[in-house]
Amino acid sequence: MGKCRNLGLCELSDSIAVNPPTPNPPTLASPANGATGIMLPPNLTWNASAGAASYRLQVSTDIAFATTKYDVSGIIATSKTVNGLTNLTKYFWRVNAKNASGTSGWSSIWSFTTSTLSLKLVSLNSVKDVPFDQGGKVELVWSASPLDTNINTLPYYSIWRALPQSTLKKTRIMKTAEGTFAWEWLANQPAHRDSLYSYIASTPFDSMSGTNGMEYFMVSAQTSDKNVFYNSNIDSGYSVDNLPPVSPRKLTASIVSGKVVLNWSPNGESDLMQYVVYRSDSSITDPNKITSFGMTSETMFTDETSITRENSLLYDTSRGYT
């Protein structure tokens, strides 16, 4: 409403809201019109329409769009990864734009044909022991996803390790062809457009710990849409403690009540299991060539065989085991 003064002069005190104009139809960007060999799931992109608040995307095998395979509105971004399509199929797609003033007409109709490959292919190639260590580590190697061509589309891979069966809960169980698993996240590996990736993963046990030490792993290709990711096959492996302990030092022998008592300094390895004692009446140059005489987890050993001072025996504790 306005307020009028004398002489017929008036001033307006109210404002009028003006809606933006209805947006123009978007122009499609990629994949190129008529493109073939498009891997599943395709990522469809278009150029922004000025003033648009959201977009609607339709995909169909029918150029007249009598039926649709994909029909989603309210898309804020100018791209969308379309799931649920099939290999070796020709699809048509179009987009419109919408704001408070109304909805644009449809864009031009483009087509693409899918390939026999799928972006879901993330191949975990191997899980192998890291050599020359005390165990507890394995190396995962996987092949890149075909989507690994643009970090804006696939920014990283996530690495997962299966939880022990005893910790499985119904809400965390995932049943696959390889078995039933629940997963804990280990790390993320940035995508770098490489053909192969690797990651050194820790293991709670190694194969020398009283179990076979087998652990199961999976790698996921994480797209820019946090709700869209692709899991690899599940693979397994175990770590091995393949560093032998150092030879025990300061071995001494004394005769006590006609028996030989051996003493030596303790080893420093935290996972040492036991010491192996060898005895011979001649020089011991290679313990592998003679039979062990005894084993102990202590740093002393008593030879219960009665001997006299005329006996000459040689002892070796050079073989500690982990």
Protein backbone atom coordinates (compact mmCIF):
# COMPACT_ATOMS: atom_id res chain seq x y z
CA MET A 1 0.00 0.00 0.00
CA GLY A 2 1.12 3.62 -0.60
CA LYS A 3 0.63 6.82 1.37
CA CYS A 4 -0.58 9.98 -0.45
CA ARG A 5 0.29 13.54 0.55
CA ASN A 6 -1.25 16.84 -0.55
CA LEU A 7 -1.18 17.81 -4.20
CA GLY A 8 -1.74 14.21 -5.16
CA LEU A 9 1.81 13.09 -4.42
CA CYS A 10 2.14 9.53 -3.18
CA GLU A 11 5.01 7.37 -1.94
CA LEU A 12 5.11 3.59 -2.01
CA SER A 13 5.98 1.82 1.22
CA ASP A 14 5.51 -1.82 0.14
CA SER A 15 7.98 -3.95 -1.83
CA ILE A 16 7.01 -6.43 -4.49
CA ALA A 17 8.78 -9.85 -4.65
CA VAL A 18 9.92 -10.67 -8.16
CA ASN A 19 10.58 -14.33 -8.97
CA PRO A 20 13.50 -15.19 -11.22
CA PRO A 21 12.64 -16.17 -14.76
CA THR A 22 12.05 -19.82 -15.55
CA PRO A 23 15.42 -21.40 -16.39
CA ASN A 24 16.34 -22.41 -19.91
CA PRO A 25 16.70 -26.10 -20.77
CA PRO A 26 20.14 -27.40 -19.75
CA THR A 27 22.71 -28.36 -22.38
CA LEU A 28 24.11 -31.86 -22.04
CA ALA A 29 27.87 -32.36 -21.58
CA SER A 30 28.99 -35.98 -21.26
CA PRO A 31 29.18 -38.70 -22.29
CA ALA A 32 29.23 -37.38 -25.83
CA ASN A 33 26.11 -37.94 -27.89
CA GLY A 34 26.23 -41.38 -29.46
CA ALA A 35 29.17 -42.53 -27.31
CA THR A 36 29.75 -46.28 -27.10
CA GLY A 37 31.64 -48.49 -24.67
CA ILE A 38 30.42 -46.56 -21.62
CA MET A 39 31.20 -48.56 -18.47
CA LEU A 40 28.60 -49.06 -15.78
CA PRO A 41 27.45 -47.13 -13.89
CA PRO A 42 27.69 -44.09 -16.20
CA ASN A 43 28.20 -40.62 -14.78
CA LEU A 44 25.98 -38.20 -16.76
CA THR A 45 26.84 -34.49 -16.70
CA TRP A 46 25.26 -31.33 -18.06
CA ASN A 47 25.90 -27.59 -18.00
CA ALA A 48 24.22 -25.40 -15.40
CA SER A 49 21.12 -23.41 -16.35
CA ALA A 50 21.08 -19.84 -15.02
CA GLY A 51 18.70 -19.50 -12.10
CA ALA A 52 18.04 -23.23 -11.80
CA ALA A 53 17.43 -24.59 -8.29
CA SER A 54 17.33 -28.28 -9.23
CA TYR A 55 17.28 -30.67 -12.16
CA ARG A 56 15.38 -33.75 -13.30
CA LEU A 57 17.15 -36.55 -15.17
CA GLN A 58 15.48 -39.22 -17.25
CA VAL A 59 17.11 -42.26 -18.90
CA SER A 60 15.24 -44.61 -21.22
CA THR A 61 15.77 -47.25 -23.88
CA ASP A 62 12.97 -45.53 -25.82
CA ILE A 63 13.74 -42.25 -27.61
CA ALA A 64 10.11 -41.19 -27.00
CA PHE A 65 10.53 -41.86 -23.23
CA ALA A 66 7.26 -43.79 -23.08
CA THR A 67 8.92 -45.68 -20.23
CA THR A 68 12.01 -44.82 -18.25
CA LYS A 69 14.80 -46.83 -16.64
CA TYR A 70 15.79 -43.89 -14.44
CA ASP A 71 13.75 -40.82 -13.48
CA VAL A 72 15.02 -38.65 -10.62
CA SER A 73 14.15 -35.03 -9.79
CA GLY A 74 15.50 -32.63 -7.18
CA ILE A 75 19.11 -33.09 -8.29
CA ILE A 76 21.15 -30.12 -7.03
CA ALA A 77 24.42 -30.93 -8.81
CA THR A 78 25.00 -30.93 -12.56
CA SER A 79 25.97 -34.60 -12.71
CA LYS A 80 24.55 -37.91 -11.60
CA THR A 81 25.84 -41.48 -11.44
CA VAL A 82 23.08 -43.72 -12.78
CA ASN A 83 22.80 -47.20 -11.27
CA GLY A 84 20.62 -50.07 -12.42
CA LEU A 85 21.50 -50.05 -16.13
CA THR A 86 22.63 -53.10 -18.10
CA ASN A 87 25.60 -53.90 -20.31
CA LEU A 88 25.55 -53.63 -24.12
CA THR A 89 22.41 -51.48 -24.18
CA LYS A 90 21.66 -48.20 -25.95
CA TYR A 91 20.14 -45.54 -23.67
CA PHE A 92 18.65 -42.10 -24.30
CA TRP A 93 18.79 -39.33 -21.69
CA ARG A 94 17.56 -35.81 -21.13
CA VAL A 95 17.47 -33.18 -18.35
CA ASN A 96 15.26 -30.25 -17.41
CA ALA A 97 15.74 -27.43 -14.89
CA LYS A 98 13.42 -26.02 -12.25
CA ASN A 99 13.13 -23.02 -9.92
CA ALA A 100 10.36 -21.15 -8.07
CA SER A 101 9.00 -19.74 -11.33
CA GLY A 102 8.56 -23.02 -13.10
CA THR A 103 10.20 -25.85 -15.03
CA SER A 104 12.12 -25.55 -18.27
CA GLY A 105 11.53 -27.65 -21.31
CA TRP A 106 13.61 -30.75 -21.81
CA SER A 107 17.15 -30.59 -23.08
CA SER A 108 18.04 -32.15 -26.38
CA ILE A 109 18.05 -35.94 -26.26
CA TRP A 110 21.43 -37.67 -26.30
CA SER A 111 22.29 -41.35 -26.40
CA PHE A 112 25.07 -43.65 -25.22
CA THR A 113 25.69 -47.41 -25.38
CA THR A 114 27.06 -49.32 -22.41
CA SER A 115 30.01 -51.70 -22.59
CA THR A 116 30.62 -55.20 -21.26
CA LEU A 117 32.83 -53.80 -18.49
CA SER A 118 31.68 -52.46 -15.17
CA LEU A 119 33.13 -49.79 -12.93
CA LYS A 120 32.47 -52.18 -10.08
CA LEU A 121 35.59 -54.12 -11.08
CA VAL A 122 38.10 -53.44 -8.32
CA SER A 123 40.32 -56.49 -8.23
CA LEU A 124 42.15 -57.30 -5.01
CA ASN A 125 44.99 -59.28 -6.57
CA SER A 126 46.92 -60.56 -3.56
CA VAL A 127 47.43 -60.48 0.20
CA LYS A 128 51.00 -61.55 0.96
CA ASP A 129 53.35 -61.59 3.92
CA VAL A 130 55.82 -58.74 4.23
CA PRO A 131 59.17 -60.57 4.23
CA PHE A 132 62.09 -60.13 6.60
CA ASP A 133 60.13 -58.86 9.58
CA GLN A 134 58.84 -60.14 12.90
CA GLY A 135 55.38 -60.80 11.48
CA GLY A 136 52.20 -58.79 11.92
CA LYS A 137 52.10 -57.21 8.44
CA VAL A 138 50.78 -58.17 5.00
CA GLU A 139 50.84 -56.29 1.70
CA LEU A 140 47.59 -55.81 -0.24
CA VAL A 141 47.85 -55.24 -4.00
CA TRP A 142 44.84 -54.30 -6.13
CA SER A 143 44.11 -53.17 -9.68
CA ALA A 144 42.63 -49.73 -10.21
CA SER A 145 38.95 -49.27 -10.90
CA PRO A 146 38.16 -48.24 -14.50
CA LEU A 147 36.62 -45.15 -12.87
CA ASP A 148 40.10 -44.13 -11.63
CA THR A 149 40.61 -41.48 -14.32
CA ASN A 150 39.48 -38.37 -12.45
CA ILE A 151 39.94 -37.70 -8.73
CA ASN A 152 36.70 -35.69 -8.75
CA THR A 153 34.87 -38.89 -9.70
CA LEU A 154 36.85 -41.41 -7.64
CA PRO A 155 38.90 -39.61 -4.96
CA TYR A 156 40.13 -42.61 -2.94
CA TYR A 157 40.02 -46.30 -2.06
CA SER A 158 39.17 -47.56 1.42
CA ILE A 159 40.81 -50.66 2.91
CA TRP A 160 38.86 -53.02 5.17
CA ARG A 161 39.75 -56.03 7.36
CA ALA A 162 37.27 -58.68 8.50
CA LEU A 163 36.47 -58.83 12.19
CA PRO A 164 36.87 -62.13 14.08
CA GLN A 165 33.82 -64.38 13.89
CA SER A 166 33.28 -64.01 17.64
CA THR A 167 32.60 -60.27 17.24
CA LEU A 168 30.00 -60.56 14.48
CA LYS A 169 26.66 -58.90 15.16
CA LYS A 170 23.55 -59.35 13.07
CA THR A 171 23.51 -55.69 12.01
CA ARG A 172 27.11 -55.88 10.75
CA ILE A 173 27.09 -59.19 8.92
CA MET A 174 27.74 -59.20 5.16
CA LYS A 175 27.11 -62.46 3.36
CA THR A 176 29.09 -62.99 0.16
CA ALA A 177 30.13 -65.85 -2.08
CA GLU A 178 33.35 -66.06 -0.04
CA GLY A 179 31.56 -66.39 3.31
CA THR A 180 30.04 -64.27 6.08
CA PHE A 181 32.00 -61.21 7.21
CA ALA A 182 31.81 -58.03 9.21
CA TRP A 183 34.32 -55.30 8.48
CA GLU A 184 36.46 -52.74 10.23
CA TRP A 185 37.95 -49.78 8.38
CA LEU A 186 41.75 -49.62 8.25
CA ALA A 187 42.73 -46.72 6.01
CA ASN A 188 42.07 -44.69 2.87
CA GLN A 189 44.42 -44.67 -0.13
CA PRO A 190 44.15 -41.58 -2.38
CA ALA A 191 43.40 -42.33 -6.03
CA HIS A 192 46.21 -41.21 -8.31
CA ARG A 193 45.27 -42.65 -11.71
CA ASP A 194 47.72 -45.53 -11.21
CA SER A 195 47.12 -48.99 -12.64
CA LEU A 196 48.09 -50.77 -9.39
CA TYR A 197 47.93 -49.84 -5.73
CA SER A 198 49.32 -51.41 -2.57
CA TYR A 199 48.93 -51.00 1.16
CA ILE A 200 50.76 -52.53 4.14
CA ALA A 201 48.10 -53.72 6.60
CA SER A 202 48.66 -54.87 10.15
CA THR A 203 47.44 -58.25 11.37
CA PRO A 204 46.53 -59.09 14.99
CA PHE A 205 48.40 -62.42 14.76
CA ASP A 206 50.93 -64.19 12.60
CA SER A 207 51.05 -67.82 11.53
CA MET A 208 53.37 -68.68 14.43
CA SER A 209 50.97 -67.46 17.13
CA GLY A 210 49.12 -70.71 17.75
CA THR A 211 46.64 -70.08 14.91
CA ASN A 212 47.03 -70.09 11.15
CA GLY A 213 46.95 -66.29 11.30
CA MET A 214 44.60 -66.04 8.29
CA GLU A 215 43.05 -62.58 7.81
CA TYR A 216 40.48 -61.45 5.21
CA PHE A 217 40.58 -58.09 3.39
CA MET A 218 38.51 -56.03 0.96
CA VAL A 219 39.10 -52.77 -0.93
CA SER A 220 36.33 -50.33 -1.89
CA ALA A 221 36.45 -47.75 -4.68
CA GLN A 222 34.82 -44.66 -3.15
CA THR A 223 33.13 -42.27 -5.60
CA SER A 224 32.44 -38.59 -5.05
CA ASP A 225 28.93 -39.63 -3.97
CA LYS A 226 29.42 -41.11 -0.49
CA ASN A 227 26.46 -43.40 -1.07
CA VAL A 228 28.04 -44.96 -4.17
CA PHE A 229 31.05 -47.28 -3.74
CA TYR A 230 32.24 -50.53 -5.26
CA ASN A 231 33.69 -53.41 -3.27
CA SER A 232 36.44 -55.65 -4.55
CA ASN A 233 36.54 -59.39 -4.21
CA ILE A 234 37.57 -60.69 -0.78
CA ASP A 235 41.07 -62.10 -0.45
CA SER A 236 43.01 -63.56 2.45
CA GLY A 237 46.57 -63.99 3.63
CA TYR A 238 48.68 -64.30 6.75
CA SER A 239 51.83 -62.78 8.13
CA VAL A 240 54.93 -64.80 9.00
CA ASP A 241 57.61 -64.13 11.57
CA ASN A 242 60.54 -64.82 9.27
CA LEU A 243 63.35 -63.23 11.27
CA PRO A 244 65.14 -65.84 13.43
CA PRO A 245 66.36 -64.80 16.87
CA VAL A 246 70.02 -64.00 17.40
CA SER A 247 72.25 -66.66 18.91
CA PRO A 248 72.23 -66.77 22.71
CA ARG A 249 75.37 -65.28 24.28
CA LYS A 250 77.68 -65.99 27.21
CA LEU A 251 77.09 -69.72 27.40
CA THR A 252 78.79 -71.25 30.46
CA ALA A 253 78.91 -74.83 31.76
CA SER A 254 79.64 -76.16 35.20
CA ILE A 255 79.54 -79.61 36.78
CA VAL A 256 77.23 -79.86 39.77
CA SER A 257 76.87 -83.25 41.49
CA GLY A 258 78.13 -85.00 38.38
CA LYS A 259 75.72 -83.22 36.05
CA VAL A 260 76.37 -80.40 33.62
CA VAL A 261 74.47 -77.17 34.27
CA LEU A 262 74.37 -74.69 31.40
CA ASN A 263 73.63 -70.95 31.75
CA TRP A 264 73.45 -68.17 29.17
CA SER A 265 72.24 -64.59 28.80
CA PRO A 266 68.59 -64.09 27.86
CA ASN A 267 67.66 -63.01 24.34
CA GLY A 268 65.87 -59.73 23.79
CA GLU A 269 63.19 -60.87 21.29
CA SER A 270 59.71 -60.32 22.72
CA ASP A 271 58.28 -63.29 20.84
CA LEU A 272 60.97 -65.83 21.69
CA MET A 273 59.41 -69.25 22.28
CA GLN A 274 62.25 -71.47 23.48
CA TYR A 275 65.93 -72.37 23.33
CA VAL A 276 67.20 -75.58 21.74
CA VAL A 277 70.24 -77.31 23.26
CA TYR A 278 72.63 -79.46 21.22
CA ARG A 279 75.27 -81.81 22.65
CA SER A 280 78.15 -83.59 20.97
CA ASP A 281 81.44 -85.24 21.86
CA SER A 282 83.11 -83.39 18.99
CA SER A 283 83.14 -79.82 17.73
CA ILE A 284 79.68 -78.50 16.75
CA THR A 285 80.04 -76.64 13.47
CA ASP A 286 76.47 -76.97 12.18
CA PRO A 287 73.60 -77.72 14.62
CA ASN A 288 71.36 -78.57 11.64
CA LYS A 289 73.38 -81.72 11.11
CA ILE A 290 72.86 -83.17 14.59
CA THR A 291 69.82 -84.05 16.65
CA SER A 292 68.73 -81.59 19.31
CA PHE A 293 69.38 -82.70 22.89
CA GLY A 294 66.74 -80.69 24.73
CA MET A 295 64.55 -77.59 24.78
CA THR A 296 63.77 -74.99 27.42
CA SER A 297 62.19 -71.58 27.79
CA GLU A 298 64.59 -70.72 30.63
CA THR A 299 68.17 -69.47 30.39
CA MET A 300 69.58 -72.55 32.07
CA PHE A 301 69.56 -76.25 31.27
CA THR A 302 70.69 -79.29 33.26
CA ASP A 303 72.10 -82.31 31.47
CA GLU A 304 70.85 -85.11 33.71
CA THR A 305 73.35 -87.55 32.23
CA SER A 306 75.98 -88.41 34.83
CA ILE A 307 79.45 -87.68 33.62
CA THR A 308 82.95 -87.68 35.01
CA ARG A 309 85.56 -85.04 34.53
CA GLU A 310 87.23 -87.29 31.97
CA ASN A 311 84.24 -86.83 29.63
CA SER A 312 84.58 -84.07 27.04
CA LEU A 313 81.24 -82.77 25.83
CA LEU A 314 80.40 -79.68 23.77
CA TYR A 315 77.10 -77.81 24.00
CA ASP A 316 75.44 -75.29 21.73
CA THR A 317 72.33 -73.16 22.31
CA SER A 318 72.61 -71.27 19.07
CA ARG A 319 69.09 -72.14 17.95
CA GLY A 320 66.48 -70.06 19.72
CA TYR A 321 62.99 -70.31 18.20
CA THR A 322 60.20 -67.80 17.93
